[in-house]
Amino acid sequence: LAAKKNIVLPTDIGGHKSTVDDLSKLSGADFDKKYVAAMVDDHKED
């Protein structure tokens, strides 16, 4: 759709990188809890 309108989309995830960096340091149950919480917040906003 962007190509049709001659709009150049970003190739990076912008401010979401901090979430990726934080979660990449976790594992197991700690990761699950933080990931699920992040997904709830993100999808409410979406």
ModelCIF file with pLDDT and N, C-alpha, C, O atoms, coordinates in Angstrom:
data_MODEL
#
_entry.id   MODEL 
#
_entity.id                         1 
_entity.type                       polymer 
_entity.pdbx_number_of_molecules   1 
#
_entity_poly.entity_id                      1 
_entity_poly.type                           'polypeptide(L)' 
_entity_poly.nstd_linkage                   no 
_entity_poly.nstd_monomer                   no 
_entity_poly.pdbx_seq_one_letter_code       LAAKKNIVLPTDIGGHKSTVDDLSKLSGADFDKKYVAAMVDDHKED 
_entity_poly.pdbx_seq_one_letter_code_can   LAAKKNIVLPTDIGGHKSTVDDLSKLSGADFDKKYVAAMVDDHKED 
_entity_poly.pdbx_strand_id                 A 
#
loop_
_entity_poly_seq.entity_id 
_entity_poly_seq.num 
_entity_poly_seq.mon_id 
_entity_poly_seq.hetero 
1 1  LEU n 
1 2  ALA n 
1 3  ALA n 
1 4  LYS n 
1 5  LYS n 
1 6  ASN n 
1 7  ILE n 
1 8  VAL n 
1 9  LEU n 
1 10 PRO n 
1 11 THR n 
1 12 ASP n 
1 13 ILE n 
1 14 GLY n 
1 15 GLY n 
1 16 HIS n 
1 17 LYS n 
1 18 SER n 
1 19 THR n 
1 20 VAL n 
1 21 ASP n 
1 22 ASP n 
1 23 LEU n 
1 24 SER n 
1 25 LYS n 
1 26 LEU n 
1 27 SER n 
1 28 GLY n 
1 29 ALA n 
1 30 ASP n 
1 31 PHE n 
1 32 ASP n 
1 33 LYS n 
1 34 LYS n 
1 35 TYR n 
1 36 VAL n 
1 37 ALA n 
1 38 ALA n 
1 39 MET n 
1 40 VAL n 
1 41 ASP n 
1 42 ASP n 
1 43 HIS n 
1 44 LYS n 
1 45 GLU n 
1 46 ASP n 
#
_struct_asym.id          A 
_struct_asym.entity_id   1 
#
loop_
_ma_qa_metric.id 
_ma_qa_metric.mode 
_ma_qa_metric.name 
_ma_qa_metric.software_group_id 
_ma_qa_metric.type 
1 global pLDDT . pLDDT 
2 local  pLDDT . pLDDT 
#
_ma_qa_metric_global.metric_id      1 
_ma_qa_metric_global.metric_value   95.24 
_ma_qa_metric_global.model_id       1 
_ma_qa_metric_global.ordinal_id     1 
#
loop_
_ma_qa_metric_local.label_asym_id 
_ma_qa_metric_local.label_comp_id 
_ma_qa_metric_local.label_seq_id 
_ma_qa_metric_local.metric_id 
_ma_qa_metric_local.metric_value 
_ma_qa_metric_local.model_id 
_ma_qa_metric_local.ordinal_id 
A LEU 1  2 95.00 1 1  
A ALA 2  2 95.00 1 2  
A ALA 3  2 95.00 1 3  
A LYS 4  2 93.00 1 4  
A LYS 5  2 93.00 1 5  
A ASN 6  2 94.00 1 6  
A ILE 7  2 93.00 1 7  
A VAL 8  2 93.00 1 8  
A LEU 9  2 94.00 1 9  
A PRO 10 2 94.00 1 10 
A THR 11 2 93.00 1 11 
A ASP 12 2 95.00 1 12 
A ILE 13 2 95.00 1 13 
A GLY 14 2 94.00 1 14 
A GLY 15 2 93.00 1 15 
A HIS 16 2 95.00 1 16 
A LYS 17 2 95.00 1 17 
A SER 18 2 95.00 1 18 
A THR 19 2 95.00 1 19 
A VAL 20 2 96.00 1 20 
A ASP 21 2 96.00 1 21 
A ASP 22 2 96.00 1 22 
A LEU 23 2 97.00 1 23 
A SER 24 2 96.00 1 24 
A LYS 25 2 96.00 1 25 
A LEU 26 2 96.00 1 26 
A SER 27 2 91.00 1 27 
A GLY 28 2 91.00 1 28 
A ALA 29 2 93.00 1 29 
A ASP 30 2 94.00 1 30 
A PHE 31 2 97.00 1 31 
A ASP 32 2 97.00 1 32 
A LYS 33 2 96.00 1 33 
A LYS 34 2 97.00 1 34 
A TYR 35 2 98.00 1 35 
A VAL 36 2 98.00 1 36 
A ALA 37 2 97.00 1 37 
A ALA 38 2 97.00 1 38 
A MET 39 2 97.00 1 39 
A VAL 40 2 98.00 1 40 
A ASP 41 2 96.00 1 41 
A ASP 42 2 96.00 1 42 
A HIS 43 2 97.00 1 43 
A LYS 44 2 97.00 1 44 
A GLU 45 2 96.00 1 45 
A ASP 46 2 96.00 1 46 
#
loop_
_atom_site.group_PDB 
_atom_site.id 
_atom_site.type_symbol 
_atom_site.label_atom_id 
_atom_site.label_alt_id 
_atom_site.label_comp_id 
_atom_site.label_asym_id 
_atom_site.label_entity_id 
_atom_site.label_seq_id 
_atom_site.pdbx_PDB_ins_code 
_atom_site.Cartn_x 
_atom_site.Cartn_y 
_atom_site.Cartn_z 
_atom_site.occupancy 
_atom_site.B_iso_or_equiv 
_atom_site.pdbx_formal_charge 
_atom_site.auth_seq_id 
_atom_site.auth_comp_id 
_atom_site.auth_asym_id 
_atom_site.auth_atom_id 
_atom_site.pdbx_PDB_model_num 
ATOM 1   N N  . LEU A 1 1  ? 0.827  -1.201  0.000  1.00 95.00 ? 1  LEU A N  1 
ATOM 2   C CA . LEU A 1 1  ? 0.000  0.000   0.000  1.00 95.00 ? 1  LEU A CA 1 
ATOM 3   C C  . LEU A 1 1  ? 0.867  1.260   0.000  1.00 95.00 ? 1  LEU A C  1 
ATOM 4   O O  . LEU A 1 1  ? 0.558  2.233   -0.687 1.00 95.00 ? 1  LEU A O  1 
ATOM 5   N N  . ALA A 1 2  ? 1.939  1.234   0.764  1.00 95.00 ? 2  ALA A N  1 
ATOM 6   C CA . ALA A 1 2  ? 2.855  2.384   0.818  1.00 95.00 ? 2  ALA A CA 1 
ATOM 7   C C  . ALA A 1 2  ? 3.530  2.599   -0.537 1.00 95.00 ? 2  ALA A C  1 
ATOM 8   O O  . ALA A 1 2  ? 3.695  3.737   -0.976 1.00 95.00 ? 2  ALA A O  1 
ATOM 9   N N  . ALA A 1 3  ? 3.917  1.512   -1.194 1.00 95.00 ? 3  ALA A N  1 
ATOM 10  C CA . ALA A 1 3  ? 4.555  1.603   -2.512 1.00 95.00 ? 3  ALA A CA 1 
ATOM 11  C C  . ALA A 1 3  ? 3.599  2.226   -3.529 1.00 95.00 ? 3  ALA A C  1 
ATOM 12  O O  . ALA A 1 3  ? 4.001  3.019   -4.381 1.00 95.00 ? 3  ALA A O  1 
ATOM 13  N N  . LYS A 1 4  ? 2.350  1.853   -3.420 1.00 93.00 ? 4  LYS A N  1 
ATOM 14  C CA . LYS A 1 4  ? 1.307  2.406   -4.308 1.00 93.00 ? 4  LYS A CA 1 
ATOM 15  C C  . LYS A 1 4  ? 1.198  3.919   -4.147 1.00 93.00 ? 4  LYS A C  1 
ATOM 16  O O  . LYS A 1 4  ? 0.906  4.635   -5.105 1.00 93.00 ? 4  LYS A O  1 
ATOM 17  N N  . LYS A 1 5  ? 1.436  4.398   -2.927 1.00 93.00 ? 5  LYS A N  1 
ATOM 18  C CA . LYS A 1 5  ? 1.313  5.819   -2.633 1.00 93.00 ? 5  LYS A CA 1 
ATOM 19  C C  . LYS A 1 5  ? 2.673  6.535   -2.636 1.00 93.00 ? 5  LYS A C  1 
ATOM 20  O O  . LYS A 1 5  ? 2.768  7.701   -2.253 1.00 93.00 ? 5  LYS A O  1 
ATOM 21  N N  . ASN A 1 6  ? 3.719  5.826   -3.071 1.00 94.00 ? 6  ASN A N  1 
ATOM 22  C CA . ASN A 1 6  ? 5.076  6.394   -3.110 1.00 94.00 ? 6  ASN A CA 1 
ATOM 23  C C  . ASN A 1 6  ? 5.549  6.869   -1.743 1.00 94.00 ? 6  ASN A C  1 
ATOM 24  O O  . ASN A 1 6  ? 6.195  7.911   -1.624 1.00 94.00 ? 6  ASN A O  1 
ATOM 25  N N  . ILE A 1 7  ? 5.222  6.095   -0.715 1.00 93.00 ? 7  ILE A N  1 
ATOM 26  C CA . ILE A 1 7  ? 5.648  6.410   0.645  1.00 93.00 ? 7  ILE A CA 1 
ATOM 27  C C  . ILE A 1 7  ? 6.748  5.429   1.057  1.00 93.00 ? 7  ILE A C  1 
ATOM 28  O O  . ILE A 1 7  ? 6.591  4.215   0.922  1.00 93.00 ? 7  ILE A O  1 
ATOM 29  N N  . VAL A 1 8  ? 7.851  5.963   1.557  1.00 93.00 ? 8  VAL A N  1 
ATOM 30  C CA . VAL A 1 8  ? 8.977  5.120   1.991  1.00 93.00 ? 8  VAL A CA 1 
ATOM 31  C C  . VAL A 1 8  ? 8.796  4.799   3.467  1.00 93.00 ? 8  VAL A C  1 
ATOM 32  O O  . VAL A 1 8  ? 8.761  5.699   4.307  1.00 93.00 ? 8  VAL A O  1 
ATOM 33  N N  . LEU A 1 9  ? 8.682  3.518   3.776  1.00 94.00 ? 9  LEU A N  1 
ATOM 34  C CA . LEU A 1 9  ? 8.492  3.087   5.164  1.00 94.00 ? 9  LEU A CA 1 
ATOM 35  C C  . LEU A 1 9  ? 9.836  2.950   5.878  1.00 94.00 ? 9  LEU A C  1 
ATOM 36  O O  . LEU A 1 9  ? 10.856 2.708   5.232  1.00 94.00 ? 9  LEU A O  1 
ATOM 37  N N  . PRO A 1 10 ? 9.848  3.103   7.200  1.00 94.00 ? 10 PRO A N  1 
ATOM 38  C CA . PRO A 1 10 ? 11.096 2.900   7.955  1.00 94.00 ? 10 PRO A CA 1 
ATOM 39  C C  . PRO A 1 10 ? 11.498 1.426   7.918  1.00 94.00 ? 10 PRO A C  1 
ATOM 40  O O  . PRO A 1 10 ? 10.655 0.542   7.761  1.00 94.00 ? 10 PRO A O  1 
ATOM 41  N N  . THR A 1 11 ? 12.784 1.182   8.063  1.00 93.00 ? 11 THR A N  1 
ATOM 42  C CA . THR A 1 11 ? 13.285 -0.198  8.040  1.00 93.00 ? 11 THR A CA 1 
ATOM 43  C C  . THR A 1 11 ? 13.702 -0.670  9.432  1.00 93.00 ? 11 THR A C  1 
ATOM 44  O O  . THR A 1 11 ? 14.153 -1.803  9.600  1.00 93.00 ? 11 THR A O  1 
ATOM 45  N N  . ASP A 1 12 ? 13.549 0.199   10.424 1.00 95.00 ? 12 ASP A N  1 
ATOM 46  C CA . ASP A 1 12 ? 13.911 -0.157  11.798 1.00 95.00 ? 12 ASP A CA 1 
ATOM 47  C C  . ASP A 1 12 ? 12.661 -0.123  12.678 1.00 95.00 ? 12 ASP A C  1 
ATOM 48  O O  . ASP A 1 12 ? 11.611 0.354   12.248 1.00 95.00 ? 12 ASP A O  1 
ATOM 49  N N  . ILE A 1 13 ? 12.770 -0.623  13.896 1.00 95.00 ? 13 ILE A N  1 
ATOM 50  C CA . ILE A 1 13 ? 11.604 -0.693  14.783 1.00 95.00 ? 13 ILE A CA 1 
ATOM 51  C C  . ILE A 1 13 ? 11.515 0.510   15.726 1.00 95.00 ? 13 ILE A C  1 
ATOM 52  O O  . ILE A 1 13 ? 10.655 0.547   16.607 1.00 95.00 ? 13 ILE A O  1 
ATOM 53  N N  . GLY A 1 14 ? 12.386 1.475   15.546 1.00 94.00 ? 14 GLY A N  1 
ATOM 54  C CA . GLY A 1 14 ? 12.295 2.723   16.304 1.00 94.00 ? 14 GLY A CA 1 
ATOM 55  C C  . GLY A 1 14 ? 12.372 2.525   17.815 1.00 94.00 ? 14 GLY A C  1 
ATOM 56  O O  . GLY A 1 14 ? 13.257 1.837   18.323 1.00 94.00 ? 14 GLY A O  1 
ATOM 57  N N  . GLY A 1 15 ? 11.426 3.140   18.521 1.00 93.00 ? 15 GLY A N  1 
ATOM 58  C CA . GLY A 1 15 ? 11.414 3.094   19.980 1.00 93.00 ? 15 GLY A CA 1 
ATOM 59  C C  . GLY A 1 15 ? 11.144 1.732   20.576 1.00 93.00 ? 15 GLY A C  1 
ATOM 60  O O  . GLY A 1 15 ? 11.336 1.532   21.776 1.00 93.00 ? 15 GLY A O  1 
ATOM 61  N N  . HIS A 1 16 ? 10.698 0.785   19.751 1.00 95.00 ? 16 HIS A N  1 
ATOM 62  C CA . HIS A 1 16 ? 10.430 -0.573  20.248 1.00 95.00 ? 16 HIS A CA 1 
ATOM 63  C C  . HIS A 1 16 ? 11.720 -1.335  20.555 1.00 95.00 ? 16 HIS A C  1 
ATOM 64  O O  . HIS A 1 16 ? 11.688 -2.383  21.201 1.00 95.00 ? 16 HIS A O  1 
ATOM 65  N N  . LYS A 1 17 ? 12.842 -0.810  20.095 1.00 95.00 ? 17 LYS A N  1 
ATOM 66  C CA . LYS A 1 17 ? 14.123 -1.495  20.302 1.00 95.00 ? 17 LYS A CA 1 
ATOM 67  C C  . LYS A 1 17 ? 14.436 -1.659  21.789 1.00 95.00 ? 17 LYS A C  1 
ATOM 68  O O  . LYS A 1 17 ? 15.036 -2.655  22.194 1.00 95.00 ? 17 LYS A O  1 
ATOM 69  N N  . SER A 1 18 ? 14.033 -0.691  22.594 1.00 95.00 ? 18 SER A N  1 
ATOM 70  C CA . SER A 1 18 ? 14.313 -0.782  24.029 1.00 95.00 ? 18 SER A CA 1 
ATOM 71  C C  . SER A 1 18 ? 13.581 -1.975  24.654 1.00 95.00 ? 18 SER A C  1 
ATOM 72  O O  . SER A 1 18 ? 14.104 -2.617  25.564 1.00 95.00 ? 18 SER A O  1 
ATOM 73  N N  . THR A 1 19 ? 12.370 -2.270  24.166 1.00 95.00 ? 19 THR A N  1 
ATOM 74  C CA . THR A 1 19 ? 11.615 -3.430  24.664 1.00 95.00 ? 19 THR A CA 1 
ATOM 75  C C  . THR A 1 19 ? 12.315 -4.719  24.283 1.00 95.00 ? 19 THR A C  1 
ATOM 76  O O  . THR A 1 19 ? 12.438 -5.637  25.094 1.00 95.00 ? 19 THR A O  1 
ATOM 77  N N  . VAL A 1 20 ? 12.776 -4.781  23.038 1.00 96.00 ? 20 VAL A N  1 
ATOM 78  C CA . VAL A 1 20 ? 13.510 -5.960  22.565 1.00 96.00 ? 20 VAL A CA 1 
ATOM 79  C C  . VAL A 1 20 ? 14.772 -6.163  23.394 1.00 96.00 ? 20 VAL A C  1 
ATOM 80  O O  . VAL A 1 20 ? 15.076 -7.279  23.815 1.00 96.00 ? 20 VAL A O  1 
ATOM 81  N N  . ASP A 1 21 ? 15.497 -5.087  23.623 1.00 96.00 ? 21 ASP A N  1 
ATOM 82  C CA . ASP A 1 21 ? 16.745 -5.173  24.395 1.00 96.00 ? 21 ASP A CA 1 
ATOM 83  C C  . ASP A 1 21 ? 16.486 -5.650  25.830 1.00 96.00 ? 21 ASP A C  1 
ATOM 84  O O  . ASP A 1 21 ? 17.220 -6.485  26.359 1.00 96.00 ? 21 ASP A O  1 
ATOM 85  N N  . ASP A 1 22 ? 15.439 -5.112  26.444 1.00 96.00 ? 22 ASP A N  1 
ATOM 86  C CA . ASP A 1 22 ? 15.112 -5.495  27.829 1.00 96.00 ? 22 ASP A CA 1 
ATOM 87  C C  . ASP A 1 22 ? 14.715 -6.971  27.913 1.00 96.00 ? 22 ASP A C  1 
ATOM 88  O O  . ASP A 1 22 ? 15.173 -7.694  28.798 1.00 96.00 ? 22 ASP A O  1 
ATOM 89  N N  . LEU A 1 23 ? 13.864 -7.407  26.990 1.00 97.00 ? 23 LEU A N  1 
ATOM 90  C CA . LEU A 1 23 ? 13.389 -8.795  27.028 1.00 97.00 ? 23 LEU A CA 1 
ATOM 91  C C  . LEU A 1 23 ? 14.479 -9.799  26.655 1.00 97.00 ? 23 LEU A C  1 
ATOM 92  O O  . LEU A 1 23 ? 14.462 -10.942 27.112 1.00 97.00 ? 23 LEU A O  1 
ATOM 93  N N  . SER A 1 24 ? 15.419 -9.367  25.829 1.00 96.00 ? 24 SER A N  1 
ATOM 94  C CA . SER A 1 24 ? 16.489 -10.276 25.417 1.00 96.00 ? 24 SER A CA 1 
ATOM 95  C C  . SER A 1 24 ? 17.400 -10.673 26.586 1.00 96.00 ? 24 SER A C  1 
ATOM 96  O O  . SER A 1 24 ? 18.131 -11.661 26.509 1.00 96.00 ? 24 SER A O  1 
ATOM 97  N N  . LYS A 1 25 ? 17.343 -9.889  27.667 1.00 96.00 ? 25 LYS A N  1 
ATOM 98  C CA . LYS A 1 25 ? 18.161 -10.187 28.856 1.00 96.00 ? 25 LYS A CA 1 
ATOM 99  C C  . LYS A 1 25 ? 17.482 -11.184 29.799 1.00 96.00 ? 25 LYS A C  1 
ATOM 100 O O  . LYS A 1 25 ? 18.094 -11.665 30.753 1.00 96.00 ? 25 LYS A O  1 
ATOM 101 N N  . LEU A 1 26 ? 16.210 -11.488 29.522 1.00 96.00 ? 26 LEU A N  1 
ATOM 102 C CA . LEU A 1 26 ? 15.441 -12.376 30.396 1.00 96.00 ? 26 LEU A CA 1 
ATOM 103 C C  . LEU A 1 26 ? 15.246 -13.750 29.765 1.00 96.00 ? 26 LEU A C  1 
ATOM 104 O O  . LEU A 1 26 ? 15.512 -13.951 28.580 1.00 96.00 ? 26 LEU A O  1 
ATOM 105 N N  . SER A 1 27 ? 14.779 -14.687 30.579 1.00 91.00 ? 27 SER A N  1 
ATOM 106 C CA . SER A 1 27 ? 14.471 -16.023 30.064 1.00 91.00 ? 27 SER A CA 1 
ATOM 107 C C  . SER A 1 27 ? 13.468 -16.701 31.002 1.00 91.00 ? 27 SER A C  1 
ATOM 108 O O  . SER A 1 27 ? 13.243 -16.253 32.126 1.00 91.00 ? 27 SER A O  1 
ATOM 109 N N  . GLY A 1 28 ? 12.880 -17.780 30.514 1.00 91.00 ? 28 GLY A N  1 
ATOM 110 C CA . GLY A 1 28 ? 11.957 -18.560 31.338 1.00 91.00 ? 28 GLY A CA 1 
ATOM 111 C C  . GLY A 1 28 ? 10.739 -17.781 31.784 1.00 91.00 ? 28 GLY A C  1 
ATOM 112 O O  . GLY A 1 28 ? 10.173 -16.999 31.020 1.00 91.00 ? 28 GLY A O  1 
ATOM 113 N N  . ALA A 1 29 ? 10.333 -18.004 33.049 1.00 93.00 ? 29 ALA A N  1 
ATOM 114 C CA . ALA A 1 29 ? 9.128  -17.382 33.598 1.00 93.00 ? 29 ALA A CA 1 
ATOM 115 C C  . ALA A 1 29 ? 9.232  -15.860 33.645 1.00 93.00 ? 29 ALA A C  1 
ATOM 116 O O  . ALA A 1 29 ? 8.243  -15.159 33.433 1.00 93.00 ? 29 ALA A O  1 
ATOM 117 N N  . ASP A 1 30 ? 10.425 -15.354 33.921 1.00 94.00 ? 30 ASP A N  1 
ATOM 118 C CA . ASP A 1 30 ? 10.618 -13.905 33.950 1.00 94.00 ? 30 ASP A CA 1 
ATOM 119 C C  . ASP A 1 30 ? 10.355 -13.293 32.574 1.00 94.00 ? 30 ASP A C  1 
ATOM 120 O O  . ASP A 1 30 ? 9.722  -12.246 32.440 1.00 94.00 ? 30 ASP A O  1 
ATOM 121 N N  . PHE A 1 31 ? 10.860 -13.981 31.573 1.00 97.00 ? 31 PHE A N  1 
ATOM 122 C CA . PHE A 1 31 ? 10.628 -13.499 30.205 1.00 97.00 ? 31 PHE A CA 1 
ATOM 123 C C  . PHE A 1 31 ? 9.138  -13.538 29.873 1.00 97.00 ? 31 PHE A C  1 
ATOM 124 O O  . PHE A 1 31 ? 8.582  -12.566 29.363 1.00 97.00 ? 31 PHE A O  1 
ATOM 125 N N  . ASP A 1 32 ? 8.495  -14.673 30.167 1.00 97.00 ? 32 ASP A N  1 
ATOM 126 C CA . ASP A 1 32 ? 7.072  -14.829 29.838 1.00 97.00 ? 32 ASP A CA 1 
ATOM 127 C C  . ASP A 1 32 ? 6.221  -13.711 30.430 1.00 97.00 ? 32 ASP A C  1 
ATOM 128 O O  . ASP A 1 32 ? 5.366  -13.138 29.755 1.00 97.00 ? 32 ASP A O  1 
ATOM 129 N N  . LYS A 1 33 ? 6.469  -13.413 31.696 1.00 96.00 ? 33 LYS A N  1 
ATOM 130 C CA . LYS A 1 33 ? 5.670  -12.392 32.375 1.00 96.00 ? 33 LYS A CA 1 
ATOM 131 C C  . LYS A 1 33 ? 5.839  -11.027 31.723 1.00 96.00 ? 33 LYS A C  1 
ATOM 132 O O  . LYS A 1 33 ? 4.860  -10.317 31.493 1.00 96.00 ? 33 LYS A O  1 
ATOM 133 N N  . LYS A 1 34 ? 7.091  -10.661 31.424 1.00 97.00 ? 34 LYS A N  1 
ATOM 134 C CA . LYS A 1 34 ? 7.370  -9.352  30.827 1.00 97.00 ? 34 LYS A CA 1 
ATOM 135 C C  . LYS A 1 34 ? 6.873  -9.285  29.375 1.00 97.00 ? 34 LYS A C  1 
ATOM 136 O O  . LYS A 1 34 ? 6.346  -8.264  28.932 1.00 97.00 ? 34 LYS A O  1 
ATOM 137 N N  . TYR A 1 35 ? 7.050  -10.376 28.659 1.00 98.00 ? 35 TYR A N  1 
ATOM 138 C CA . TYR A 1 35 ? 6.616  -10.410 27.262 1.00 98.00 ? 35 TYR A CA 1 
ATOM 139 C C  . TYR A 1 35 ? 5.102  -10.283 27.169 1.00 98.00 ? 35 TYR A C  1 
ATOM 140 O O  . TYR A 1 35 ? 4.591  -9.509  26.360 1.00 98.00 ? 35 TYR A O  1 
ATOM 141 N N  . VAL A 1 36 ? 4.394  -11.030 27.982 1.00 98.00 ? 36 VAL A N  1 
ATOM 142 C CA . VAL A 1 36 ? 2.933  -10.994 27.969 1.00 98.00 ? 36 VAL A CA 1 
ATOM 143 C C  . VAL A 1 36 ? 2.423  -9.601  28.348 1.00 98.00 ? 36 VAL A C  1 
ATOM 144 O O  . VAL A 1 36 ? 1.500  -9.081  27.722 1.00 98.00 ? 36 VAL A O  1 
ATOM 145 N N  . ALA A 1 37 ? 3.024  -9.008  29.367 1.00 97.00 ? 37 ALA A N  1 
ATOM 146 C CA . ALA A 1 37 ? 2.626  -7.658  29.779 1.00 97.00 ? 37 ALA A CA 1 
ATOM 147 C C  . ALA A 1 37 ? 2.857  -6.645  28.652 1.00 97.00 ? 37 ALA A C  1 
ATOM 148 O O  . ALA A 1 37 ? 2.035  -5.760  28.418 1.00 97.00 ? 37 ALA A O  1 
ATOM 149 N N  . ALA A 1 38 ? 3.993  -6.794  27.962 1.00 97.00 ? 38 ALA A N  1 
ATOM 150 C CA . ALA A 1 38 ? 4.308  -5.892  26.846 1.00 97.00 ? 38 ALA A CA 1 
ATOM 151 C C  . ALA A 1 38 ? 3.310  -6.068  25.709 1.00 97.00 ? 38 ALA A C  1 
ATOM 152 O O  . ALA A 1 38 ? 2.899  -5.092  25.083 1.00 97.00 ? 38 ALA A O  1 
ATOM 153 N N  . MET A 1 39 ? 2.920  -7.311  25.443 1.00 97.00 ? 39 MET A N  1 
ATOM 154 C CA . MET A 1 39 ? 1.970  -7.586  24.369 1.00 97.00 ? 39 MET A CA 1 
ATOM 155 C C  . MET A 1 39 ? 0.574  -7.050  24.687 1.00 97.00 ? 39 MET A C  1 
ATOM 156 O O  . MET A 1 39 ? -0.131 -6.580  23.794 1.00 97.00 ? 39 MET A O  1 
ATOM 157 N N  . VAL A 1 40 ? 0.183  -7.119  25.936 1.00 98.00 ? 40 VAL A N  1 
ATOM 158 C CA . VAL A 1 40 ? -1.118 -6.560  26.340 1.00 98.00 ? 40 VAL A CA 1 
ATOM 159 C C  . VAL A 1 40 ? -1.111 -5.049  26.115 1.00 98.00 ? 40 VAL A C  1 
ATOM 160 O O  . VAL A 1 40 ? -2.037 -4.499  25.518 1.00 98.00 ? 40 VAL A O  1 
ATOM 161 N N  . ASP A 1 41 ? -0.068 -4.389  26.592 1.00 96.00 ? 41 ASP A N  1 
ATOM 162 C CA . ASP A 1 41 ? 0.032  -2.932  26.438 1.00 96.00 ? 41 ASP A CA 1 
ATOM 163 C C  . ASP A 1 41 ? 0.082  -2.526  24.966 1.00 96.00 ? 41 ASP A C  1 
ATOM 164 O O  . ASP A 1 41 ? -0.611 -1.603  24.539 1.00 96.00 ? 41 ASP A O  1 
ATOM 165 N N  . ASP A 1 42 ? 0.919  -3.235  24.195 1.00 96.00 ? 42 ASP A N  1 
ATOM 166 C CA . ASP A 1 42 ? 1.074  -2.902  22.774 1.00 96.00 ? 42 ASP A CA 1 
ATOM 167 C C  . ASP A 1 42 ? -0.239 -3.054  22.014 1.00 96.00 ? 42 ASP A C  1 
ATOM 168 O O  . ASP A 1 42 ? -0.594 -2.209  21.193 1.00 96.00 ? 42 ASP A O  1 
ATOM 169 N N  . HIS A 1 43 ? -0.956 -4.140  22.297 1.00 97.00 ? 43 HIS A N  1 
ATOM 170 C CA . HIS A 1 43 ? -2.179 -4.394  21.539 1.00 97.00 ? 43 HIS A CA 1 
ATOM 171 C C  . HIS A 1 43 ? -3.341 -3.491  21.972 1.00 97.00 ? 43 HIS A C  1 
ATOM 172 O O  . HIS A 1 43 ? -4.245 -3.224  21.181 1.00 97.00 ? 43 HIS A O  1 
ATOM 173 N N  . LYS A 1 44 ? -3.319 -3.033  23.195 1.00 97.00 ? 44 LYS A N  1 
ATOM 174 C CA . LYS A 1 44 ? -4.305 -2.018  23.595 1.00 97.00 ? 44 LYS A CA 1 
ATOM 175 C C  . LYS A 1 44 ? -4.090 -0.746  22.784 1.00 97.00 ? 44 LYS A C  1 
ATOM 176 O O  . LYS A 1 44 ? -5.038 -0.144  22.279 1.00 97.00 ? 44 LYS A O  1 
ATOM 177 N N  . GLU A 1 45 ? -2.834 -0.353  22.672 1.00 96.00 ? 45 GLU A N  1 
ATOM 178 C CA . GLU A 1 45 ? -2.494 0.842   21.898 1.00 96.00 ? 45 GLU A CA 1 
ATOM 179 C C  . GLU A 1 45 ? -2.819 0.633   20.416 1.00 96.00 ? 45 GLU A C  1 
ATOM 180 O O  . GLU A 1 45 ? -3.343 1.530   19.755 1.00 96.00 ? 45 GLU A O  1 
ATOM 181 N N  . ASP A 1 46 ? -2.503 -0.558  19.904 1.00 96.00 ? 46 ASP A N  1 
ATOM 182 C CA . ASP A 1 46 ? -2.763 -0.862  18.490 1.00 96.00 ? 46 ASP A CA 1 
ATOM 183 C C  . ASP A 1 46 ? -4.253 -0.787  18.161 1.00 96.00 ? 46 ASP A C  1 
ATOM 184 O O  . ASP A 1 46 ? -4.644 -1.014  17.016 1.00 96.00 ? 46 ASP A O  1 
#
